[in-house]
Amino acid sequence: MSSAQPVGPARLADVLKAPGYLKTLLLGALVGVPVSLVSFWFLAGMHELQHVLWSTLPHSLGWDAPPWWWPLPLLLVSGVLVGLVVTHMTGAGGHIPANGVAMGGVSTAVLPGVVLAAAASLPLGAVLGPEAPLIALGGGFALLMRDLARGPSTPQTTMLLGAAGAAAAIAAIFGSPLIAGVLLIELVGVGGVRLFGVMLPALLSSGVGALVFTGFGRWTGLETGGLTAKLPGTFTRLDAPDVAWGLLIAVLVATVQHRAMATGRAVAAYVAGRPLVRTTLCALGAGVCAAVYALATGRDPQDVASSGQVTLATLTADPRAWGIGALIAVLLCKAVGYALCLGSLRGGPVFPALFLGAAAGLLLSPLPGLGLVPAVAAGLAAATAGVLRLPVSSAVLVTVLLGNLAVTPLIILAVVASLITTELLPSGPPEAKPPPRA
């Protein structure tokens, strides 16, 4: 009988014994501290600036809420500023949101453009979330720390530290190192021993970063706009109508989400021809969507002109405050504004998708035999899977977000239905490319 050691453990030991790996592992843990602090101040700054522009300033001018036309000048300024960043700065302001969520291409050279484009988009009313700029910021800042410390600059350390920084940033925005770990596994797209090697520093970084981020937030008292979706009441059991209607909702939401992303890529191709002028026009178009919504409903235009992060929390906390007309109006106006911003401004596609999925579920929840929690869960799961295209990450994110294990089977089924629907639909325009610098 052979006395050889099992192949798997020997290979894992080889990873740990590889030259420089333990040092990189330590750097990954240490990187979680500064990345979490940078992420905290980035999110707190965006949150405070948005509060000033959409609450403090209108109140100081004598309005209880922003008037219907308020999004027009803000998004006009946003379009001009983002257009200037895209045409004149390295990296064109970062990842185009219509391409989904990605982790590749992290570098220190693009950081200034990413931060400026995000600051010009998110607080001024872009229908986008902060996750994509934050991932780029986390990965790029981790590499910047390595360069300042004169650490080894090899393809392996670049990949490992970039992943560790991105994981710490993801843990900050989604509020859980678990979500960061699962999302990173699917984004990296490797398995076996290579996955083990990548995930150790990433998990360390996200865990340390989450501790620092949470503690620092309590210490300063500043808000970063956490992602929450807690529905009122209790839910303990799925019924057959919940599952049947939930699957139908998943297919409908996935179809709309797919169309929004495809339209966003078409918008990006249009913008690439004349980035400054066309970015401004698309941003102003998103402002018109918010203004039309406010005129039609009498509600706050920020319901449309925002990431949907804050509105999602109010929507799920008090669903009865939204009538059928308001839900239809916000779905139509926000979906159009979302598609325009996906191809023109800079940010992430996940947060608005979550809001749209939840709103669609709430709108359809009065269907016979369908409960509120299953309807919203199916909408959230389908929208998340449609934009992430990552099944496990989508299911984990929505399960953690709702905090109700009883609806987990429907979440998984809705994710699968959404991914199948998305794959079977025509792919539409190809992935958008950033326009060349002027």
Protein backbone atom coordinates (compact mmCIF):
# COMPACT_ATOMS: atom_id res chain seq x y z
CA MET A 1 0.00 0.00 0.00
CA SER A 2 1.31 3.46 -0.88
CA SER A 3 2.36 5.70 2.01
CA ALA A 4 1.84 8.88 -0.01
CA GLN A 5 -0.11 11.70 1.64
CA PRO A 6 -3.53 12.64 0.24
CA VAL A 7 -3.25 14.98 -2.71
CA GLY A 8 -5.64 17.67 -1.46
CA PRO A 9 -4.04 18.46 1.94
CA ALA A 10 -0.53 18.35 0.45
CA ARG A 11 -1.50 20.92 -2.15
CA LEU A 12 -3.10 23.17 0.44
CA ALA A 13 0.07 22.93 2.51
CA ASP A 14 2.07 23.87 -0.58
CA VAL A 15 0.01 27.05 -0.92
CA LEU A 16 0.70 28.02 2.69
CA LYS A 17 4.41 27.23 2.31
CA ALA A 18 4.80 29.13 -0.96
CA PRO A 19 7.41 31.95 -0.76
CA GLY A 20 5.82 35.15 0.42
CA TYR A 21 2.28 33.73 0.84
CA LEU A 22 2.15 34.05 4.64
CA LYS A 23 3.46 37.60 4.34
CA THR A 24 0.74 38.34 1.79
CA LEU A 25 -1.80 36.76 4.14
CA LEU A 26 -0.69 39.10 6.93
CA LEU A 27 -0.83 42.07 4.56
CA GLY A 28 -4.35 41.02 3.61
CA ALA A 29 -5.42 41.15 7.25
CA LEU A 30 -3.73 44.51 7.80
CA VAL A 31 -5.20 45.95 4.59
CA GLY A 32 -8.70 45.42 6.01
CA VAL A 33 -8.13 48.23 8.54
CA PRO A 34 -7.26 51.14 6.21
CA VAL A 35 -9.64 49.95 3.49
CA SER A 36 -12.53 49.84 5.97
CA LEU A 37 -11.67 53.36 7.16
CA VAL A 38 -11.47 54.67 3.61
CA SER A 39 -14.76 52.92 2.80
CA PHE A 40 -16.37 54.41 5.89
CA TRP A 41 -15.38 57.97 5.04
CA PHE A 42 -16.33 57.49 1.39
CA LEU A 43 -19.81 56.23 2.27
CA ALA A 44 -20.28 58.76 5.09
CA GLY A 45 -19.19 61.58 2.77
CA MET A 46 -21.59 60.49 0.02
CA HIS A 47 -24.41 60.14 2.57
CA GLU A 48 -23.80 63.55 4.13
CA LEU A 49 -23.48 65.32 0.78
CA GLN A 50 -26.70 63.73 -0.43
CA HIS A 51 -28.44 64.83 2.78
CA VAL A 52 -27.22 68.41 2.30
CA LEU A 53 -28.31 68.59 -1.35
CA TRP A 54 -31.70 66.88 -0.96
CA SER A 55 -32.76 67.86 2.57
CA THR A 56 -30.76 70.64 4.21
CA LEU A 57 -30.61 72.94 1.19
CA PRO A 58 -34.33 72.72 0.27
CA HIS A 59 -35.25 73.31 3.92
CA SER A 60 -32.99 76.35 4.11
CA LEU A 61 -34.78 77.76 1.04
CA GLY A 62 -38.20 77.31 2.64
CA TRP A 63 -39.41 73.96 1.25
CA ASP A 64 -40.42 71.04 3.44
CA ALA A 65 -39.31 68.67 0.66
CA PRO A 66 -37.45 69.14 -2.63
CA PRO A 67 -39.77 70.69 -5.27
CA TRP A 68 -40.59 68.66 -8.37
CA TRP A 69 -37.94 70.41 -10.51
CA TRP A 70 -35.12 69.92 -7.98
CA PRO A 71 -33.49 66.92 -9.76
CA LEU A 72 -33.09 68.83 -13.03
CA PRO A 73 -30.24 71.22 -12.08
CA LEU A 74 -28.53 68.64 -9.84
CA LEU A 75 -28.42 65.94 -12.50
CA LEU A 76 -27.45 68.49 -15.15
CA VAL A 77 -24.40 69.37 -13.05
CA SER A 78 -23.78 65.65 -12.46
CA GLY A 79 -23.75 64.92 -16.18
CA VAL A 80 -21.30 67.73 -16.92
CA LEU A 81 -18.90 66.71 -14.14
CA VAL A 82 -18.98 63.00 -15.00
CA GLY A 83 -18.53 63.82 -18.69
CA LEU A 84 -15.40 65.83 -17.86
CA VAL A 85 -14.00 62.99 -15.74
CA VAL A 86 -14.72 60.43 -18.46
CA THR A 87 -13.03 62.49 -21.18
CA HIS A 88 -10.01 63.75 -19.28
CA MET A 89 -9.03 61.32 -16.50
CA THR A 90 -7.34 57.91 -16.50
CA GLY A 91 -9.81 55.05 -16.36
CA ALA A 92 -12.78 57.13 -17.63
CA GLY A 93 -14.27 57.33 -14.14
CA GLY A 94 -14.28 53.57 -13.58
CA HIS A 95 -16.54 50.65 -14.41
CA ILE A 96 -19.59 51.26 -16.64
CA PRO A 97 -22.56 50.12 -14.53
CA ALA A 98 -24.42 48.63 -17.51
CA ASN A 99 -21.77 45.89 -17.62
CA GLY A 100 -22.89 44.53 -14.25
CA VAL A 101 -20.58 43.93 -11.29
CA ALA A 102 -16.93 43.03 -11.86
CA MET A 103 -13.68 43.02 -9.92
CA GLY A 104 -11.08 43.11 -12.70
CA GLY A 105 -8.86 45.99 -13.72
CA VAL A 106 -8.07 47.23 -10.20
CA SER A 107 -5.23 49.75 -10.19
CA THR A 108 -4.08 52.81 -8.31
CA ALA A 109 -4.04 54.98 -11.44
CA VAL A 110 -7.82 54.99 -11.80
CA LEU A 111 -8.62 55.89 -8.16
CA PRO A 112 -8.87 59.70 -8.58
CA GLY A 113 -11.25 59.36 -11.52
CA VAL A 114 -13.35 56.72 -9.76
CA VAL A 115 -13.77 58.87 -6.63
CA LEU A 116 -14.56 62.07 -8.54
CA ALA A 117 -17.04 60.37 -10.89
CA ALA A 118 -18.81 58.68 -7.96
CA ALA A 119 -18.95 61.95 -6.01
CA ALA A 120 -20.43 63.67 -9.07
CA SER A 121 -23.00 60.91 -9.60
CA LEU A 122 -24.32 59.43 -6.36
CA PRO A 123 -25.14 62.45 -4.15
CA LEU A 124 -26.57 64.45 -7.05
CA GLY A 125 -29.27 61.92 -7.86
CA ALA A 126 -27.86 59.20 -10.13
CA VAL A 127 -30.08 56.10 -10.11
CA LEU A 128 -27.09 53.99 -9.13
CA GLY A 129 -25.57 52.50 -5.98
CA PRO A 130 -22.13 52.88 -4.37
CA GLU A 131 -20.97 49.26 -4.67
CA ALA A 132 -18.95 49.43 -7.91
CA PRO A 133 -16.90 52.53 -6.97
CA LEU A 134 -16.38 51.07 -3.51
CA ILE A 135 -15.02 47.79 -4.90
CA ALA A 136 -12.60 49.71 -7.14
CA LEU A 137 -11.66 51.96 -4.23
CA GLY A 138 -11.02 49.01 -1.89
CA GLY A 139 -8.90 47.07 -4.39
CA GLY A 140 -6.98 50.12 -5.59
CA PHE A 141 -6.31 51.41 -2.09
CA ALA A 142 -4.99 48.00 -1.01
CA LEU A 143 -2.47 48.14 -3.88
CA LEU A 144 -1.60 51.73 -2.97
CA MET A 145 -0.81 50.63 0.59
CA ARG A 146 1.41 47.87 -0.79
CA ASP A 147 3.28 50.35 -2.98
CA LEU A 148 3.75 52.81 -0.10
CA ALA A 149 5.11 49.99 2.07
CA ARG A 150 7.35 48.90 -0.85
CA GLY A 151 5.92 45.41 -0.77
CA PRO A 152 6.58 42.90 -3.56
CA SER A 153 4.77 43.82 -6.77
CA THR A 154 4.09 40.54 -8.54
CA PRO A 155 1.02 39.34 -10.46
CA GLN A 156 0.15 37.07 -7.53
CA THR A 157 0.36 39.77 -4.83
CA THR A 158 -1.53 42.20 -7.05
CA MET A 159 -4.35 39.71 -7.47
CA LEU A 160 -4.44 38.64 -3.81
CA LEU A 161 -4.26 42.14 -2.30
CA GLY A 162 -6.69 43.52 -4.87
CA ALA A 163 -9.16 40.79 -3.91
CA ALA A 164 -8.57 41.43 -0.19
CA GLY A 165 -9.22 45.15 -0.56
CA ALA A 166 -12.33 44.54 -2.65
CA ALA A 167 -13.62 42.04 -0.07
CA ALA A 168 -13.21 44.55 2.76
CA ALA A 169 -15.10 47.15 0.73
CA ILE A 170 -17.90 44.70 -0.15
CA ALA A 171 -18.28 43.76 3.52
CA ALA A 172 -18.66 47.46 4.31
CA ILE A 173 -21.39 48.20 1.79
CA PHE A 174 -23.40 45.00 2.21
CA GLY A 175 -22.89 44.82 5.97
CA SER A 176 -21.57 41.25 6.14
CA PRO A 177 -18.19 39.53 5.61
CA LEU A 178 -20.20 36.41 4.64
CA ILE A 179 -21.73 38.19 1.65
CA ALA A 180 -18.28 39.53 0.73
CA GLY A 181 -16.77 36.05 0.81
CA VAL A 182 -19.50 34.38 -1.24
CA LEU A 183 -19.61 37.21 -3.78
CA LEU A 184 -15.85 37.13 -4.20
CA ILE A 185 -15.83 33.36 -4.76
CA GLU A 186 -18.18 33.74 -7.71
CA LEU A 187 -16.57 36.92 -9.07
CA VAL A 188 -13.05 35.47 -9.02
CA GLY A 189 -14.26 32.38 -10.87
CA VAL A 190 -11.56 29.94 -9.73
CA GLY A 191 -11.81 26.71 -7.77
CA GLY A 192 -9.82 24.18 -5.84
CA VAL A 193 -6.50 25.20 -4.38
CA ARG A 194 -6.41 28.51 -6.26
CA LEU A 195 -9.70 29.49 -4.62
CA PHE A 196 -8.29 28.57 -1.21
CA GLY A 197 -5.26 30.76 -1.84
CA VAL A 198 -7.32 33.76 -2.91
CA MET A 199 -10.01 33.49 -0.24
CA LEU A 200 -7.82 33.33 2.88
CA PRO A 201 -6.48 36.90 2.62
CA ALA A 202 -9.86 38.12 1.33
CA LEU A 203 -11.78 36.62 4.27
CA LEU A 204 -9.25 37.96 6.76
CA SER A 205 -9.46 41.42 5.23
CA SER A 206 -13.26 41.47 5.12
CA GLY A 207 -13.58 40.18 8.70
CA VAL A 208 -11.09 42.67 10.15
CA GLY A 209 -12.53 45.45 8.01
CA ALA A 210 -16.11 44.75 9.13
CA LEU A 211 -15.07 44.98 12.80
CA VAL A 212 -13.28 48.28 12.24
CA PHE A 213 -16.07 49.69 10.04
CA THR A 214 -18.80 48.87 12.58
CA GLY A 215 -16.80 50.15 15.55
CA PHE A 216 -15.74 53.33 13.78
CA GLY A 217 -19.33 54.08 12.81
CA ARG A 218 -20.48 53.79 16.42
CA TRP A 219 -17.60 55.91 17.64
CA THR A 220 -18.15 58.80 15.21
CA GLY A 221 -21.94 58.67 15.17
CA LEU A 222 -21.93 59.28 11.41
CA GLU A 223 -24.29 57.42 9.10
CA THR A 224 -23.23 55.57 5.96
CA GLY A 225 -26.66 54.54 4.71
CA GLY A 226 -26.83 50.83 5.47
CA LEU A 227 -28.79 48.44 3.26
CA THR A 228 -31.94 47.20 5.04
CA ALA A 229 -35.23 45.60 4.00
CA LYS A 230 -37.19 44.50 7.06
CA LEU A 231 -40.86 43.80 6.40
CA PRO A 232 -43.45 44.24 9.15
CA GLY A 233 -45.14 41.27 10.81
CA THR A 234 -44.04 37.66 10.92
CA PHE A 235 -43.88 35.00 8.24
CA THR A 236 -43.48 31.31 9.07
CA ARG A 237 -44.61 29.11 6.17
CA LEU A 238 -44.72 29.09 2.36
CA ASP A 239 -47.88 27.93 0.61
CA ALA A 240 -48.32 26.65 -2.95
CA PRO A 241 -49.74 29.98 -4.21
CA ASP A 242 -46.72 31.80 -2.74
CA VAL A 243 -44.37 29.62 -4.78
CA ALA A 244 -46.43 29.74 -7.98
CA TRP A 245 -46.92 33.50 -7.94
CA GLY A 246 -43.34 34.01 -6.74
CA LEU A 247 -41.95 32.20 -9.77
CA LEU A 248 -44.11 34.31 -12.08
CA ILE A 249 -42.88 37.48 -10.36
CA ALA A 250 -39.29 36.27 -10.78
CA VAL A 251 -39.75 35.80 -14.53
CA LEU A 252 -41.39 39.22 -14.94
CA VAL A 253 -38.76 41.04 -12.86
CA ALA A 254 -35.90 39.24 -14.62
CA THR A 255 -37.32 40.27 -17.99
CA VAL A 256 -37.56 43.93 -16.99
CA GLN A 257 -34.11 43.87 -15.38
CA HIS A 258 -32.61 42.29 -18.50
CA ARG A 259 -34.19 44.97 -20.68
CA ALA A 260 -32.87 47.74 -18.38
CA MET A 261 -29.31 46.39 -18.55
CA ALA A 262 -29.48 45.97 -22.34
CA THR A 263 -30.81 49.51 -22.70
CA GLY A 264 -28.02 50.72 -20.45
CA ARG A 265 -25.41 49.14 -22.73
CA ALA A 266 -27.07 50.78 -25.74
CA VAL A 267 -26.96 54.11 -23.92
CA ALA A 268 -23.25 53.57 -23.16
CA ALA A 269 -22.55 52.97 -26.85
CA TYR A 270 -24.44 56.17 -27.69
CA VAL A 271 -22.56 58.17 -25.02
CA ALA A 272 -19.15 56.95 -26.25
CA GLY A 273 -19.53 58.99 -29.46
CA ARG A 274 -19.58 62.37 -27.67
CA PRO A 275 -19.06 61.65 -23.96
CA LEU A 276 -19.40 65.15 -22.48
CA VAL A 277 -22.53 66.26 -24.32
CA ARG A 278 -24.32 62.91 -24.30
CA THR A 279 -23.52 62.11 -20.67
CA THR A 280 -25.07 65.45 -19.77
CA LEU A 281 -28.18 64.74 -21.88
CA CYS A 282 -28.67 61.27 -20.34
CA ALA A 283 -28.21 62.59 -16.80
CA LEU A 284 -30.73 65.35 -17.51
CA GLY A 285 -33.10 62.69 -18.88
CA ALA A 286 -32.89 60.86 -15.55
CA GLY A 287 -33.70 64.17 -13.84
CA VAL A 288 -36.78 64.54 -16.06
CA CYS A 289 -37.93 61.07 -14.95
CA ALA A 290 -37.71 62.12 -11.30
CA ALA A 291 -39.47 65.44 -11.99
CA VAL A 292 -42.32 63.74 -13.88
CA TYR A 293 -42.76 61.28 -11.01
CA ALA A 294 -42.92 64.09 -8.45
CA LEU A 295 -45.43 66.05 -10.54
CA ALA A 296 -47.64 63.01 -11.12
CA THR A 297 -47.68 61.73 -7.53
CA GLY A 298 -46.86 64.70 -5.31
CA ARG A 299 -44.17 62.59 -3.65
CA ASP A 300 -40.47 63.30 -3.12
CA PRO A 301 -38.51 63.22 -6.42
CA GLN A 302 -35.71 61.47 -4.54
CA ASP A 303 -37.83 58.30 -4.67
CA VAL A 304 -36.61 58.12 -8.29
CA ALA A 305 -33.42 60.18 -8.24
CA SER A 306 -31.37 58.05 -5.88
CA SER A 307 -29.81 54.64 -5.44
CA GLY A 308 -33.00 53.42 -3.77
CA GLN A 309 -31.06 52.45 -0.65
CA VAL A 310 -32.95 54.71 1.76
CA THR A 311 -36.25 54.38 -0.12
CA LEU A 312 -36.00 50.57 0.05
CA ALA A 313 -35.88 50.75 3.85
CA THR A 314 -38.96 53.01 4.02
CA LEU A 315 -40.80 50.95 1.39
CA THR A 316 -40.39 47.68 3.28
CA ALA A 317 -40.90 49.20 6.73
CA ASP A 318 -44.28 50.72 5.81
CA PRO A 319 -45.61 49.15 2.58
CA ARG A 320 -49.12 50.53 3.13
CA ALA A 321 -47.81 54.09 2.68
CA TRP A 322 -47.48 53.39 -1.04
CA GLY A 323 -50.63 53.29 -3.14
CA ILE A 324 -50.92 51.37 -6.38
CA GLY A 325 -50.56 54.55 -8.45
CA ALA A 326 -47.38 55.59 -6.63
CA LEU A 327 -45.88 52.11 -7.06
CA ILE A 328 -46.62 52.04 -10.79
CA ALA A 329 -45.21 55.57 -11.22
CA VAL A 330 -42.01 54.87 -9.29
CA LEU A 331 -41.44 51.60 -11.17
CA LEU A 332 -41.85 53.23 -14.59
CA CYS A 333 -39.91 56.43 -13.87
CA LYS A 334 -37.12 54.80 -11.90
CA ALA A 335 -36.66 52.02 -14.47
CA VAL A 336 -36.18 54.57 -17.26
CA GLY A 337 -33.87 56.74 -15.15
CA TYR A 338 -31.96 53.61 -14.13
CA ALA A 339 -31.37 52.57 -17.74
CA LEU A 340 -30.14 56.08 -18.65
CA CYS A 341 -27.75 56.23 -15.69
CA LEU A 342 -26.45 52.68 -16.28
CA GLY A 343 -24.86 53.80 -19.54
CA SER A 344 -23.82 57.35 -18.69
CA LEU A 345 -23.01 58.05 -15.04
CA ARG A 346 -20.83 56.09 -12.60
CA GLY A 347 -21.90 53.86 -9.74
CA GLY A 348 -23.21 50.35 -9.19
CA PRO A 349 -26.27 48.60 -10.64
CA VAL A 350 -27.31 46.55 -7.59
CA PHE A 351 -29.07 48.96 -5.22
CA PRO A 352 -31.62 50.38 -7.71
CA ALA A 353 -32.31 46.83 -8.92
CA LEU A 354 -33.09 45.79 -5.34
CA PHE A 355 -35.55 48.65 -4.96
CA LEU A 356 -37.25 47.93 -8.29
CA GLY A 357 -37.55 44.23 -7.42
CA ALA A 358 -39.04 45.00 -4.01
CA ALA A 359 -41.47 47.56 -5.46
CA ALA A 360 -42.61 45.09 -8.14
CA GLY A 361 -43.18 42.43 -5.48
CA LEU A 362 -45.13 44.86 -3.32
CA LEU A 363 -47.28 45.93 -6.29
CA LEU A 364 -48.17 42.29 -7.09
CA SER A 365 -48.58 41.13 -3.47
CA PRO A 366 -52.43 41.48 -3.52
CA LEU A 367 -52.63 38.57 -6.01
CA PRO A 368 -54.91 35.75 -4.66
CA GLY A 369 -53.13 33.59 -2.11
CA LEU A 370 -49.87 35.55 -2.28
CA GLY A 371 -48.33 36.96 0.88
CA LEU A 372 -46.39 40.22 1.20
CA VAL A 373 -43.13 38.62 2.31
CA PRO A 374 -42.98 35.97 -0.47
CA ALA A 375 -43.88 38.58 -3.12
CA VAL A 376 -41.14 40.99 -2.04
CA ALA A 377 -38.64 38.15 -1.55
CA ALA A 378 -39.25 36.86 -5.09
CA GLY A 379 -38.86 40.36 -6.53
CA LEU A 380 -35.66 41.03 -4.62
CA ALA A 381 -34.15 37.65 -5.54
CA ALA A 382 -34.99 37.96 -9.23
CA ALA A 383 -33.67 41.52 -9.52
CA THR A 384 -30.45 40.68 -7.68
CA ALA A 385 -29.78 37.59 -9.79
CA GLY A 386 -30.58 39.49 -12.96
CA VAL A 387 -27.93 42.12 -12.30
CA LEU A 388 -25.27 40.03 -10.52
CA ARG A 389 -25.67 36.86 -12.63
CA LEU A 390 -24.26 35.02 -9.58
CA PRO A 391 -26.74 32.49 -8.11
CA VAL A 392 -25.26 31.77 -4.67
CA SER A 393 -24.34 35.40 -3.97
CA SER A 394 -27.83 36.55 -4.97
CA ALA A 395 -29.55 34.00 -2.72
CA VAL A 396 -27.29 34.77 0.26
CA LEU A 397 -27.64 38.54 -0.15
CA VAL A 398 -31.45 38.49 -0.24
CA THR A 399 -31.71 35.95 2.61
CA VAL A 400 -29.48 38.07 4.85
CA LEU A 401 -31.26 41.25 3.77
CA LEU A 402 -34.72 39.94 4.67
CA GLY A 403 -33.57 38.03 7.75
CA ASN A 404 -36.31 35.38 7.34
CA LEU A 405 -35.22 31.78 6.79
CA ALA A 406 -38.78 30.60 6.15
CA VAL A 407 -38.78 32.22 2.73
CA THR A 408 -35.33 30.93 1.71
CA PRO A 409 -36.65 28.12 -0.57
CA LEU A 410 -38.62 30.65 -2.60
CA ILE A 411 -35.58 32.96 -2.79
CA ILE A 412 -33.52 30.11 -4.26
CA LEU A 413 -36.24 29.17 -6.75
CA ALA A 414 -36.67 32.81 -7.78
CA VAL A 415 -32.92 33.18 -8.31
CA VAL A 416 -32.86 30.10 -10.54
CA ALA A 417 -35.93 31.24 -12.49
CA SER A 418 -34.38 34.70 -12.96
CA LEU A 419 -31.07 33.32 -14.23
CA ILE A 420 -32.78 30.91 -16.66
CA THR A 421 -34.98 33.72 -17.97
CA THR A 422 -32.03 36.06 -18.35
CA GLU A 423 -29.97 33.48 -20.22
CA LEU A 424 -32.81 32.56 -22.60
CA LEU A 425 -33.61 36.16 -23.53
CA PRO A 426 -31.69 37.77 -26.43
CA SER A 427 -28.36 39.11 -25.14
CA GLY A 428 -28.79 42.57 -26.68
CA PRO A 429 -25.90 45.01 -27.16
CA PRO A 430 -22.39 43.78 -26.23
CA GLU A 431 -20.53 44.90 -23.13
CA ALA A 432 -19.93 48.64 -23.22
CA LYS A 433 -16.39 50.04 -23.53
CA PRO A 434 -15.26 53.30 -21.92
CA PRO A 435 -14.84 56.11 -24.45
CA PRO A 436 -11.24 57.08 -25.29
CA ARG A 437 -9.74 60.04 -23.48
CA ALA A 438 -9.79 63.31 -25.33
